[in-house]
Every structure is written in structure tokens, then in C-alpha cells.
Amino acid sequence: MRIGKIIALALAISMLASTAFAGAVYDKIMQDKKVRIGIMTDSIPGAFFNDKGEWTGFDYDIATELAKRMGVEIERVKVNNKTRIAFIQQGRIDISVANMTHTRERGKSIDFSITYFFDGQKVLAKKGAFASLADMKDKKIATMQGTTSEINIKNALKAVGVANPDEHVISFQKESECFQALEMGRVAGWTTDATILLGYAAKKPGAFELVGDFLSDEPYGMGLPENDSALRDAVNAGLQDMWRDGTYMTIYNKWYGPDTPYAMPMTNQIELWP
């Protein structure tokens, strides 16, 4: 009986400890005065290394500004499509600012901030080669493995009459690999978020173009640990304050304004709370 009570007590303590840990990320950030933010490395112009080897981009700037608003230093951690969620779950980063679409399925694994960027999925192809996705239904199309884009393109191909979409979709680990496959003619198109496609197309002005209609809406959210409302509130407040004082649009226009290679008009606004 005594052993059974000890085991029960140990389990109770373990459960309490895990619950406390789940909500303690914000407290640790404030105590250490440092926030670890996961950022992509080859997502042009979201976050990438430029020709000088400098880490830069829209997400890079937004993440930097967010840390400033929180009053802490930033530790930038390299992530990719495979690790941007896993690192949050493992406690290796506190926030993921990595052009990640907020989906219900992902919401089962981590929490999200309010939408901080509005995008949509398109297809990039060589200029003049195709007018629509239907024109490409017998061709190979590249996408990123394990992303919403991979799911969406297969559904879109099925909708235009492709019996076995899996046979027409080639999935890669990196965006740069997708673009290389398109350049080399291994695929007829590459599909992902329009801003990413525009970023890579700008490397070779006039050689590529976006084809057809949007395949989906892609609302980006910042990935956060589960059950830490203090951190979620701080992130959401920082984003809303950036929008209200104009800092957000300054950063947006730096990367997506009309005078940039990645020009894309703002189509929505961040959710604002009174």
C-alpha cells in the first residue's frame, strides 16, 4: 500500500511539473532577458542569406522588432519546414517566425499568434509556357515536402482531371532545391506561397511568371508553445503595436513595396484589439 501511494504521489508531482513547464516559457524569457526565435534561411524574401552572407528578410526584421517590443535580446535559430514546429515542441526555440500557415492540424501540436502576414499559393513557371494549372496537368510540379502547399497542389491537380496527382508532384526539402529543379527543366512548375515564388523569380528577372489563380489562402502565424497565454499575449500585443504605429508597414514596404523586386500589395490588415 505504501509503495502504491508513493507511486501515485510521484505521478501527481510529475503532472504538476509538466503543467508548470507548459506555461513557464514567457517567465523564462523575461528572467533570461532573451527570446529564442526560429527563422528560415532560404525563404526569399522572408528570411535568407544575401549575396554578402548576411541573414536578412521580412521575417528576420519582424522577429527582431518583436524581441525589441518585448524588451529582450533575440537569439536567432535556423529552422526549416521540418524543424520549425519540432523545435517549439522540444523547447529549443520559444517562437517560430518562419512563413508558416496557421492550420487547424498544426494547431493540434502548437499554439499560434494572430495572423501577421497574408499570402496565397500560386504556381511559378517559365514565362509564356503555360496560362493555367490545367495546361500543366500532364507535367511535373515541384513543391516543399510536408507543407500545406504539397496537399493543396495535389487537390488542385485532381480538380483539373489528374487521376494520380502523386505521380505529378515532386517534393523537395528546400525551396532552393525546388527553384533549381524548375531552372533545370526537371519540373514544369513550382508551387508554394506567392511571396516566396516572387522572391526566387527576382533572381532572374523576366524568366519566370506566376501562372493561374490562387490555389489557397495562406495566413501566416507565429508558432508558439502550447498553453503559455502570457507569451501569446505578449507576441500578439507586439504585432498589434507594430501595426498601429506604422512600423509593420515600414518593414512590409521594405520587402514587398512597389519599388522592390518582390512587389505585392497589402491585401488585409492585422487583427486589432481595443
C-alpha atoms as a PDB file:
ATOM      1  CA  MET A   1       0.000   0.000   0.000  1.00  0.00           C
ATOM      2  CA  ARG A   2       2.793   2.389   0.917  1.00  0.00           C
ATOM      3  CA  ILE A   3       4.567   1.758  -2.414  1.00  0.00           C
ATOM      4  CA  GLY A   4       1.334   2.426  -4.271  1.00  0.00           C
ATOM      5  CA  LYS A   5       0.924   5.772  -2.506  1.00  0.00           C
ATOM      6  CA  ILE A   6       4.496   6.747  -3.307  1.00  0.00           C
ATOM      7  CA  ILE A   7       3.971   5.934  -6.973  1.00  0.00           C
ATOM      8  CA  ALA A   8       0.710   7.897  -7.061  1.00  0.00           C
ATOM      9  CA  LEU A   9       2.386  10.877  -5.388  1.00  0.00           C
ATOM     10  CA  ALA A  10       5.265  10.748  -7.870  1.00  0.00           C
ATOM     11  CA  LEU A  11       2.845  10.721 -10.794  1.00  0.00           C
ATOM     12  CA  ALA A  12       0.952  13.683  -9.363  1.00  0.00           C
ATOM     13  CA  ILE A  13       4.156  15.667  -8.906  1.00  0.00           C
ATOM     14  CA  SER A  14       5.225  14.786 -12.456  1.00  0.00           C
ATOM     15  CA  MET A  15       1.909  16.010 -13.873  1.00  0.00           C
ATOM     16  CA  LEU A  16       2.137  19.258 -11.908  1.00  0.00           C
ATOM     17  CA  ALA A  17       5.693  19.797 -13.091  1.00  0.00           C
ATOM     18  CA  SER A  18       4.767  19.267 -16.729  1.00  0.00           C
ATOM     19  CA  THR A  19       1.823  21.647 -16.382  1.00  0.00           C
ATOM     20  CA  ALA A  20       4.029  24.307 -14.807  1.00  0.00           C
ATOM     21  CA  PHE A  21       6.631  23.894 -17.540  1.00  0.00           C
ATOM     22  CA  ALA A  22       3.984  24.271 -20.245  1.00  0.00           C
ATOM     23  CA  GLY A  23       3.168  27.791 -19.096  1.00  0.00           C
ATOM     24  CA  ALA A  24       6.613  28.900 -17.995  1.00  0.00           C
ATOM     25  CA  VAL A  25       8.245  29.880 -21.298  1.00  0.00           C
ATOM     26  CA  TYR A  26       7.329  33.560 -21.021  1.00  0.00           C
ATOM     27  CA  ASP A  27       8.635  33.697 -17.436  1.00  0.00           C
ATOM     28  CA  LYS A  28      11.948  32.185 -18.547  1.00  0.00           C
ATOM     29  CA  ILE A  29      12.243  34.694 -21.410  1.00  0.00           C
ATOM     30  CA  MET A  30      11.707  37.589 -19.006  1.00  0.00           C
ATOM     31  CA  GLN A  31      14.122  36.121 -16.480  1.00  0.00           C
ATOM     32  CA  ASP A  32      16.890  35.498 -19.024  1.00  0.00           C
ATOM     33  CA  LYS A  33      16.074  38.671 -20.984  1.00  0.00           C
ATOM     34  CA  LYS A  34      16.445  36.649 -24.167  1.00  0.00           C
ATOM     35  CA  VAL A  35      13.996  35.103 -26.615  1.00  0.00           C
ATOM     36  CA  ARG A  36      14.970  32.307 -28.996  1.00  0.00           C
ATOM     37  CA  ILE A  37      13.223  32.788 -32.335  1.00  0.00           C
ATOM     38  CA  GLY A  38      13.327  30.260 -35.166  1.00  0.00           C
ATOM     39  CA  ILE A  39      13.809  31.834 -38.604  1.00  0.00           C
ATOM     40  CA  MET A  40      14.172  30.315 -42.086  1.00  0.00           C
ATOM     41  CA  THR A  41      17.384  30.647 -44.079  1.00  0.00           C
ATOM     42  CA  ASP A  42      16.462  30.263 -47.764  1.00  0.00           C
ATOM     43  CA  SER A  43      12.959  31.704 -47.986  1.00  0.00           C
ATOM     44  CA  ILE A  44      13.403  34.784 -50.195  1.00  0.00           C
ATOM     45  CA  PRO A  45      12.443  37.449 -49.188  1.00  0.00           C
ATOM     46  CA  GLY A  46      11.039  36.152 -45.900  1.00  0.00           C
ATOM     47  CA  ALA A  47      14.352  35.132 -44.365  1.00  0.00           C
ATOM     48  CA  PHE A  48      17.506  34.292 -46.266  1.00  0.00           C
ATOM     49  CA  PHE A  49      21.240  34.910 -46.604  1.00  0.00           C
ATOM     50  CA  ASN A  50      22.008  37.588 -49.168  1.00  0.00           C
ATOM     51  CA  ASP A  51      24.984  37.778 -51.513  1.00  0.00           C
ATOM     52  CA  LYS A  52      27.096  39.236 -48.708  1.00  0.00           C
ATOM     53  CA  GLY A  53      26.291  36.308 -46.421  1.00  0.00           C
ATOM     54  CA  GLU A  54      24.049  38.452 -44.234  1.00  0.00           C
ATOM     55  CA  TRP A  55      20.936  36.947 -42.682  1.00  0.00           C
ATOM     56  CA  THR A  56      18.049  39.215 -43.629  1.00  0.00           C
ATOM     57  CA  GLY A  57      14.437  39.360 -44.853  1.00  0.00           C
ATOM     58  CA  PHE A  58      10.905  40.282 -43.826  1.00  0.00           C
ATOM     59  CA  ASP A  59      10.551  37.612 -41.117  1.00  0.00           C
ATOM     60  CA  TYR A  60      14.057  38.433 -39.902  1.00  0.00           C
ATOM     61  CA  ASP A  61      13.102  42.084 -39.425  1.00  0.00           C
ATOM     62  CA  ILE A  62       9.719  41.314 -37.868  1.00  0.00           C
ATOM     63  CA  ALA A  63      11.306  38.879 -35.405  1.00  0.00           C
ATOM     64  CA  THR A  64      13.961  41.436 -34.485  1.00  0.00           C
ATOM     65  CA  GLU A  65      11.325  44.109 -33.902  1.00  0.00           C
ATOM     66  CA  LEU A  66       9.197  41.724 -31.838  1.00  0.00           C
ATOM     67  CA  ALA A  67      12.079  40.999 -29.465  1.00  0.00           C
ATOM     68  CA  LYS A  68      12.643  44.734 -29.132  1.00  0.00           C
ATOM     69  CA  ARG A  69       8.982  45.260 -28.234  1.00  0.00           C
ATOM     70  CA  MET A  70       9.241  42.512 -25.625  1.00  0.00           C
ATOM     71  CA  GLY A  71      12.259  44.243 -24.106  1.00  0.00           C
ATOM     72  CA  VAL A  72      14.624  41.304 -24.539  1.00  0.00           C
ATOM     73  CA  GLU A  73      17.568  40.269 -26.690  1.00  0.00           C
ATOM     74  CA  ILE A  74      16.994  37.956 -29.621  1.00  0.00           C
ATOM     75  CA  GLU A  75      18.773  34.673 -30.259  1.00  0.00           C
ATOM     76  CA  ARG A  76      18.097  33.691 -33.860  1.00  0.00           C
ATOM     77  CA  VAL A  77      17.905  29.957 -34.524  1.00  0.00           C
ATOM     78  CA  LYS A  78      17.983  28.461 -38.028  1.00  0.00           C
ATOM     79  CA  VAL A  79      14.905  26.392 -38.838  1.00  0.00           C
ATOM     80  CA  ASN A  80      13.341  24.804 -41.900  1.00  0.00           C
ATOM     81  CA  ASN A  81       9.981  23.296 -42.808  1.00  0.00           C
ATOM     82  CA  LYS A  82      10.802  20.138 -40.875  1.00  0.00           C
ATOM     83  CA  THR A  83      12.126  21.742 -37.683  1.00  0.00           C
ATOM     84  CA  ARG A  84      10.066  24.916 -37.226  1.00  0.00           C
ATOM     85  CA  ILE A  85       7.364  23.026 -35.274  1.00  0.00           C
ATOM     86  CA  ALA A  86       9.550  20.310 -33.753  1.00  0.00           C
ATOM     87  CA  PHE A  87      11.915  22.871 -32.196  1.00  0.00           C
ATOM     88  CA  ILE A  88       8.987  24.511 -30.387  1.00  0.00           C
ATOM     89  CA  GLN A  89       7.761  21.175 -29.079  1.00  0.00           C
ATOM     90  CA  GLN A  90      11.271  20.263 -27.936  1.00  0.00           C
ATOM     91  CA  GLY A  91      11.822  23.602 -26.201  1.00  0.00           C
ATOM     92  CA  ARG A  92      14.717  24.534 -28.499  1.00  0.00           C
ATOM     93  CA  ILE A  93      13.028  27.778 -29.553  1.00  0.00           C
ATOM     94  CA  ASP A  94      10.386  29.976 -27.936  1.00  0.00           C
ATOM     95  CA  ILE A  95       8.781  31.396 -31.104  1.00  0.00           C
ATOM     96  CA  SER A  96       8.807  30.350 -34.749  1.00  0.00           C
ATOM     97  CA  VAL A  97       8.689  33.205 -37.271  1.00  0.00           C
ATOM     98  CA  ALA A  98       9.038  31.063 -40.364  1.00  0.00           C
ATOM     99  CA  ASN A  99       6.401  31.781 -43.052  1.00  0.00           C
ATOM    100  CA  MET A 100       4.147  29.130 -41.506  1.00  0.00           C
ATOM    101  CA  THR A 101       0.491  28.870 -42.445  1.00  0.00           C
ATOM    102  CA  HIS A 102      -1.775  28.581 -39.426  1.00  0.00           C
ATOM    103  CA  THR A 103      -3.847  25.441 -39.948  1.00  0.00           C
ATOM    104  CA  ARG A 104      -6.146  23.536 -37.589  1.00  0.00           C
ATOM    105  CA  GLU A 105      -3.975  20.465 -37.925  1.00  0.00           C
ATOM    106  CA  ARG A 106      -0.839  22.356 -36.865  1.00  0.00           C
ATOM    107  CA  GLY A 107      -2.872  23.904 -34.070  1.00  0.00           C
ATOM    108  CA  LYS A 108      -3.111  20.447 -32.506  1.00  0.00           C
ATOM    109  CA  SER A 109       0.652  20.460 -31.950  1.00  0.00           C
ATOM    110  CA  ILE A 110       1.487  24.080 -31.105  1.00  0.00           C
ATOM    111  CA  ASP A 111      -0.198  27.412 -30.475  1.00  0.00           C
ATOM    112  CA  PHE A 112      -0.209  30.340 -32.895  1.00  0.00           C
ATOM    113  CA  SER A 113      -0.228  34.106 -32.765  1.00  0.00           C
ATOM    114  CA  ILE A 114      -2.731  36.187 -34.672  1.00  0.00           C
ATOM    115  CA  THR A 115      -2.125  36.304 -38.439  1.00  0.00           C
ATOM    116  CA  TYR A 116       0.901  38.510 -39.099  1.00  0.00           C
ATOM    117  CA  PHE A 117       1.167  38.046 -42.866  1.00  0.00           C
ATOM    118  CA  PHE A 118      -1.298  37.344 -45.672  1.00  0.00           C
ATOM    119  CA  ASP A 119      -0.265  35.201 -48.605  1.00  0.00           C
ATOM    120  CA  GLY A 120      -1.688  32.712 -51.084  1.00  0.00           C
ATOM    121  CA  GLN A 121      -0.400  29.724 -53.009  1.00  0.00           C
ATOM    122  CA  LYS A 122       0.464  30.065 -56.687  1.00  0.00           C
ATOM    123  CA  VAL A 123       2.468  28.230 -59.361  1.00  0.00           C
ATOM    124  CA  LEU A 124       5.683  29.585 -60.883  1.00  0.00           C
ATOM    125  CA  ALA A 125       6.668  28.561 -64.435  1.00  0.00           C
ATOM    126  CA  LYS A 126       8.888  29.754 -67.239  1.00  0.00           C
ATOM    127  CA  LYS A 127       7.450  32.874 -68.819  1.00  0.00           C
ATOM    128  CA  GLY A 128       4.970  32.189 -71.618  1.00  0.00           C
ATOM    129  CA  ALA A 129       4.987  28.415 -71.172  1.00  0.00           C
ATOM    130  CA  PHE A 130       1.571  27.983 -69.542  1.00  0.00           C
ATOM    131  CA  ALA A 131      -1.590  30.002 -68.971  1.00  0.00           C
ATOM    132  CA  SER A 132      -3.157  27.948 -66.180  1.00  0.00           C
ATOM    133  CA  LEU A 133      -2.677  24.910 -63.969  1.00  0.00           C
ATOM    134  CA  ALA A 134      -4.870  22.898 -66.350  1.00  0.00           C
ATOM    135  CA  ASP A 135      -2.196  23.392 -69.020  1.00  0.00           C
ATOM    136  CA  MET A 136       0.304  21.713 -66.704  1.00  0.00           C
ATOM    137  CA  LYS A 137      -1.721  18.694 -65.661  1.00  0.00           C
ATOM    138  CA  ASP A 138       0.488  16.262 -67.592  1.00  0.00           C
ATOM    139  CA  LYS A 139       3.699  17.834 -66.302  1.00  0.00           C
ATOM    140  CA  LYS A 140       5.751  17.521 -63.113  1.00  0.00           C
ATOM    141  CA  ILE A 141       5.370  20.183 -60.432  1.00  0.00           C
ATOM    142  CA  ALA A 142       7.743  20.808 -57.541  1.00  0.00           C
ATOM    143  CA  THR A 143       6.729  21.677 -54.011  1.00  0.00           C
ATOM    144  CA  MET A 144       8.014  21.506 -50.438  1.00  0.00           C
ATOM    145  CA  GLN A 145       7.720  18.263 -48.538  1.00  0.00           C
ATOM    146  CA  GLY A 146       5.437  18.289 -45.504  1.00  0.00           C
ATOM    147  CA  THR A 147       3.766  21.625 -46.270  1.00  0.00           C
ATOM    148  CA  THR A 148       0.216  22.761 -46.937  1.00  0.00           C
ATOM    149  CA  SER A 149       1.387  23.541 -50.476  1.00  0.00           C
ATOM    150  CA  GLU A 150       2.028  19.843 -51.073  1.00  0.00           C
ATOM    151  CA  ILE A 151      -1.528  18.974 -50.052  1.00  0.00           C
ATOM    152  CA  ASN A 152      -3.089  21.860 -51.977  1.00  0.00           C
ATOM    153  CA  ILE A 153      -1.365  21.150 -55.297  1.00  0.00           C
ATOM    154  CA  LYS A 154      -2.416  17.507 -55.231  1.00  0.00           C
ATOM    155  CA  ASN A 155      -6.015  18.543 -54.589  1.00  0.00           C
ATOM    156  CA  ALA A 156      -5.825  21.182 -57.346  1.00  0.00           C
ATOM    157  CA  LEU A 157      -4.428  18.703 -59.869  1.00  0.00           C
ATOM    158  CA  LYS A 158      -7.181  16.254 -59.013  1.00  0.00           C
ATOM    159  CA  ALA A 159      -9.724  19.027 -59.595  1.00  0.00           C
ATOM    160  CA  VAL A 160      -8.428  19.579 -63.158  1.00  0.00           C
ATOM    161  CA  GLY A 161      -8.663  15.899 -64.002  1.00  0.00           C
ATOM    162  CA  VAL A 162      -5.382  14.350 -62.927  1.00  0.00           C
ATOM    163  CA  ALA A 163      -6.155  10.790 -61.797  1.00  0.00           C
ATOM    164  CA  ASN A 164      -2.926  10.224 -59.808  1.00  0.00           C
ATOM    165  CA  PRO A 165      -1.641  13.581 -58.524  1.00  0.00           C
ATOM    166  CA  ASP A 166       1.144  11.919 -56.525  1.00  0.00           C
ATOM    167  CA  GLU A 167       2.824  10.918 -59.782  1.00  0.00           C
ATOM    168  CA  HIS A 168       2.963  14.537 -60.941  1.00  0.00           C
ATOM    169  CA  VAL A 169       4.243  16.142 -57.741  1.00  0.00           C
ATOM    170  CA  ILE A 170       7.925  16.068 -56.761  1.00  0.00           C
ATOM    171  CA  SER A 171       8.557  17.138 -53.171  1.00  0.00           C
ATOM    172  CA  PHE A 172      11.844  18.669 -52.038  1.00  0.00           C
ATOM    173  CA  GLN A 173      13.310  19.554 -48.645  1.00  0.00           C
ATOM    174  CA  LYS A 174      14.346  23.106 -49.538  1.00  0.00           C
ATOM    175  CA  GLU A 175      12.858  25.968 -51.531  1.00  0.00           C
ATOM    176  CA  SER A 176      16.178  26.479 -53.271  1.00  0.00           C
ATOM    177  CA  GLU A 177      16.003  22.864 -54.491  1.00  0.00           C
ATOM    178  CA  CYS A 178      12.536  23.484 -55.945  1.00  0.00           C
ATOM    179  CA  PHE A 179      13.782  26.533 -57.841  1.00  0.00           C
ATOM    180  CA  GLN A 180      16.826  24.682 -59.108  1.00  0.00           C
ATOM    181  CA  ALA A 181      14.594  21.880 -60.433  1.00  0.00           C
ATOM    182  CA  LEU A 182      12.486  24.491 -62.247  1.00  0.00           C
ATOM    183  CA  GLU A 183      15.550  26.202 -63.715  1.00  0.00           C
ATOM    184  CA  MET A 184      16.966  22.900 -64.960  1.00  0.00           C
ATOM    185  CA  GLY A 185      13.678  21.798 -66.501  1.00  0.00           C
ATOM    186  CA  ARG A 186      13.215  18.822 -64.201  1.00  0.00           C
ATOM    187  CA  VAL A 187       9.772  20.216 -63.420  1.00  0.00           C
ATOM    188  CA  ALA A 188       7.416  22.459 -65.382  1.00  0.00           C
ATOM    189  CA  GLY A 189       6.327  24.434 -62.350  1.00  0.00           C
ATOM    190  CA  TRP A 190       6.975  25.093 -58.694  1.00  0.00           C
ATOM    191  CA  THR A 191       4.158  25.812 -56.277  1.00  0.00           C
ATOM    192  CA  THR A 192       4.276  27.424 -52.858  1.00  0.00           C
ATOM    193  CA  ASP A 193       3.337  30.776 -51.327  1.00  0.00           C
ATOM    194  CA  ALA A 194       3.327  33.573 -53.915  1.00  0.00           C
ATOM    195  CA  THR A 195       5.750  35.795 -51.998  1.00  0.00           C
ATOM    196  CA  ILE A 196       8.368  33.039 -51.916  1.00  0.00           C
ATOM    197  CA  LEU A 197       7.939  32.424 -55.646  1.00  0.00           C
ATOM    198  CA  LEU A 198       8.323  36.131 -56.357  1.00  0.00           C
ATOM    199  CA  GLY A 199      11.477  36.181 -54.270  1.00  0.00           C
ATOM    200  CA  TYR A 200      13.154  33.461 -56.283  1.00  0.00           C
ATOM    201  CA  ALA A 201      11.834  34.716 -59.632  1.00  0.00           C
ATOM    202  CA  ALA A 202      13.542  38.038 -58.905  1.00  0.00           C
ATOM    203  CA  LYS A 203      16.889  36.249 -59.162  1.00  0.00           C
ATOM    204  CA  LYS A 204      16.306  36.023 -62.927  1.00  0.00           C
ATOM    205  CA  PRO A 205      14.115  38.970 -63.956  1.00  0.00           C
ATOM    206  CA  GLY A 206      11.759  38.232 -66.843  1.00  0.00           C
ATOM    207  CA  ALA A 207      12.469  34.495 -66.963  1.00  0.00           C
ATOM    208  CA  PHE A 208       9.583  33.273 -64.835  1.00  0.00           C
ATOM    209  CA  GLU A 209       5.985  34.224 -64.067  1.00  0.00           C
ATOM    210  CA  LEU A 210       3.119  33.247 -61.785  1.00  0.00           C
ATOM    211  CA  VAL A 211       0.548  31.057 -63.513  1.00  0.00           C
ATOM    212  CA  GLY A 212      -3.209  30.797 -62.953  1.00  0.00           C
ATOM    213  CA  ASP A 213      -5.357  31.583 -59.943  1.00  0.00           C
ATOM    214  CA  PHE A 214      -4.508  31.333 -56.262  1.00  0.00           C
ATOM    215  CA  LEU A 215      -4.799  27.747 -55.060  1.00  0.00           C
ATOM    216  CA  SER A 216      -5.395  28.749 -51.457  1.00  0.00           C
ATOM    217  CA  ASP A 217      -5.184  31.456 -48.833  1.00  0.00           C
ATOM    218  CA  GLU A 218      -2.121  31.190 -46.606  1.00  0.00           C
ATOM    219  CA  PRO A 219      -2.465  33.144 -43.338  1.00  0.00           C
ATOM    220  CA  TYR A 220       0.896  33.119 -41.574  1.00  0.00           C
ATOM    221  CA  GLY A 221       1.022  32.827 -37.802  1.00  0.00           C
ATOM    222  CA  MET A 222       3.948  32.772 -35.396  1.00  0.00           C
ATOM    223  CA  GLY A 223       4.344  29.336 -33.846  1.00  0.00           C
ATOM    224  CA  LEU A 224       4.261  29.266 -30.044  1.00  0.00           C
ATOM    225  CA  PRO A 225       4.453  26.675 -27.248  1.00  0.00           C
ATOM    226  CA  GLU A 226       1.174  25.170 -26.105  1.00  0.00           C
ATOM    227  CA  ASN A 227      -0.560  26.595 -23.037  1.00  0.00           C
ATOM    228  CA  ASP A 228       1.503  29.733 -22.482  1.00  0.00           C
ATOM    229  CA  SER A 229      -1.039  32.539 -22.652  1.00  0.00           C
ATOM    230  CA  ALA A 230       1.381  35.126 -21.260  1.00  0.00           C
ATOM    231  CA  LEU A 231       3.765  34.585 -24.193  1.00  0.00           C
ATOM    232  CA  ARG A 232       0.923  34.520 -26.721  1.00  0.00           C
ATOM    233  CA  ASP A 233      -0.477  37.769 -25.315  1.00  0.00           C
ATOM    234  CA  ALA A 234       2.941  39.444 -25.434  1.00  0.00           C
ATOM    235  CA  VAL A 235       3.503  38.398 -29.057  1.00  0.00           C
ATOM    236  CA  ASN A 236       0.029  39.483 -30.149  1.00  0.00           C
ATOM    237  CA  ALA A 237       0.387  42.830 -28.389  1.00  0.00           C
ATOM    238  CA  GLY A 238       3.769  43.405 -30.046  1.00  0.00           C
ATOM    239  CA  LEU A 239       2.355  42.680 -33.504  1.00  0.00           C
ATOM    240  CA  GLN A 240      -0.659  44.938 -32.995  1.00  0.00           C
ATOM    241  CA  ASP A 241       1.517  47.776 -31.690  1.00  0.00           C
ATOM    242  CA  MET A 242       3.779  47.450 -34.757  1.00  0.00           C
ATOM    243  CA  TRP A 243       0.733  47.832 -36.970  1.00  0.00           C
ATOM    244  CA  ARG A 244      -0.720  50.773 -35.073  1.00  0.00           C
ATOM    245  CA  ASP A 245       2.446  52.892 -35.072  1.00  0.00           C
ATOM    246  CA  GLY A 246       3.331  52.147 -38.706  1.00  0.00           C
ATOM    247  CA  THR A 247       6.416  50.020 -38.047  1.00  0.00           C
ATOM    248  CA  TYR A 248       4.838  46.964 -39.634  1.00  0.00           C
ATOM    249  CA  MET A 249       4.145  48.723 -42.943  1.00  0.00           C
ATOM    250  CA  THR A 250       7.637  50.230 -42.945  1.00  0.00           C
ATOM    251  CA  ILE A 251       9.074  46.708 -42.779  1.00  0.00           C
ATOM    252  CA  TYR A 252       6.498  45.404 -45.267  1.00  0.00           C
ATOM    253  CA  ASN A 253       7.274  48.092 -47.840  1.00  0.00           C
ATOM    254  CA  LYS A 254      10.997  47.492 -47.401  1.00  0.00           C
ATOM    255  CA  TRP A 255      10.481  43.951 -48.741  1.00  0.00           C
ATOM    256  CA  TYR A 256       7.177  43.956 -50.642  1.00  0.00           C
ATOM    257  CA  GLY A 257       6.635  47.605 -51.585  1.00  0.00           C
ATOM    258  CA  PRO A 258       6.101  48.785 -55.188  1.00  0.00           C
ATOM    259  CA  ASP A 259       9.767  49.679 -55.640  1.00  0.00           C
ATOM    260  CA  THR A 260      11.069  46.243 -54.645  1.00  0.00           C
ATOM    261  CA  PRO A 261      11.731  43.149 -56.785  1.00  0.00           C
ATOM    262  CA  TYR A 262       9.070  41.347 -54.708  1.00  0.00           C
ATOM    263  CA  ALA A 263       6.247  43.889 -55.023  1.00  0.00           C
ATOM    264  CA  MET A 264       2.950  42.609 -53.631  1.00  0.00           C
ATOM    265  CA  PRO A 265       0.137  44.950 -52.495  1.00  0.00           C
ATOM    266  CA  MET A 266      -1.096  44.536 -48.935  1.00  0.00           C
ATOM    267  CA  THR A 267      -4.445  42.716 -49.101  1.00  0.00           C
ATOM    268  CA  ASN A 268      -5.587  42.700 -45.486  1.00  0.00           C
ATOM    269  CA  GLN A 269      -4.819  44.046 -42.040  1.00  0.00           C
ATOM    270  CA  ILE A 270      -3.725  42.563 -38.761  1.00  0.00           C
ATOM    271  CA  GLU A 271      -6.434  41.807 -36.222  1.00  0.00           C
ATOM    272  CA  LEU A 272      -6.546  44.686 -33.738  1.00  0.00           C
ATOM    273  CA  TRP A 273      -7.941  44.514 -30.220  1.00  0.00           C
ATOM    274  CA  PRO A 274      -9.142  47.573 -28.258  1.00  0.00           C
END
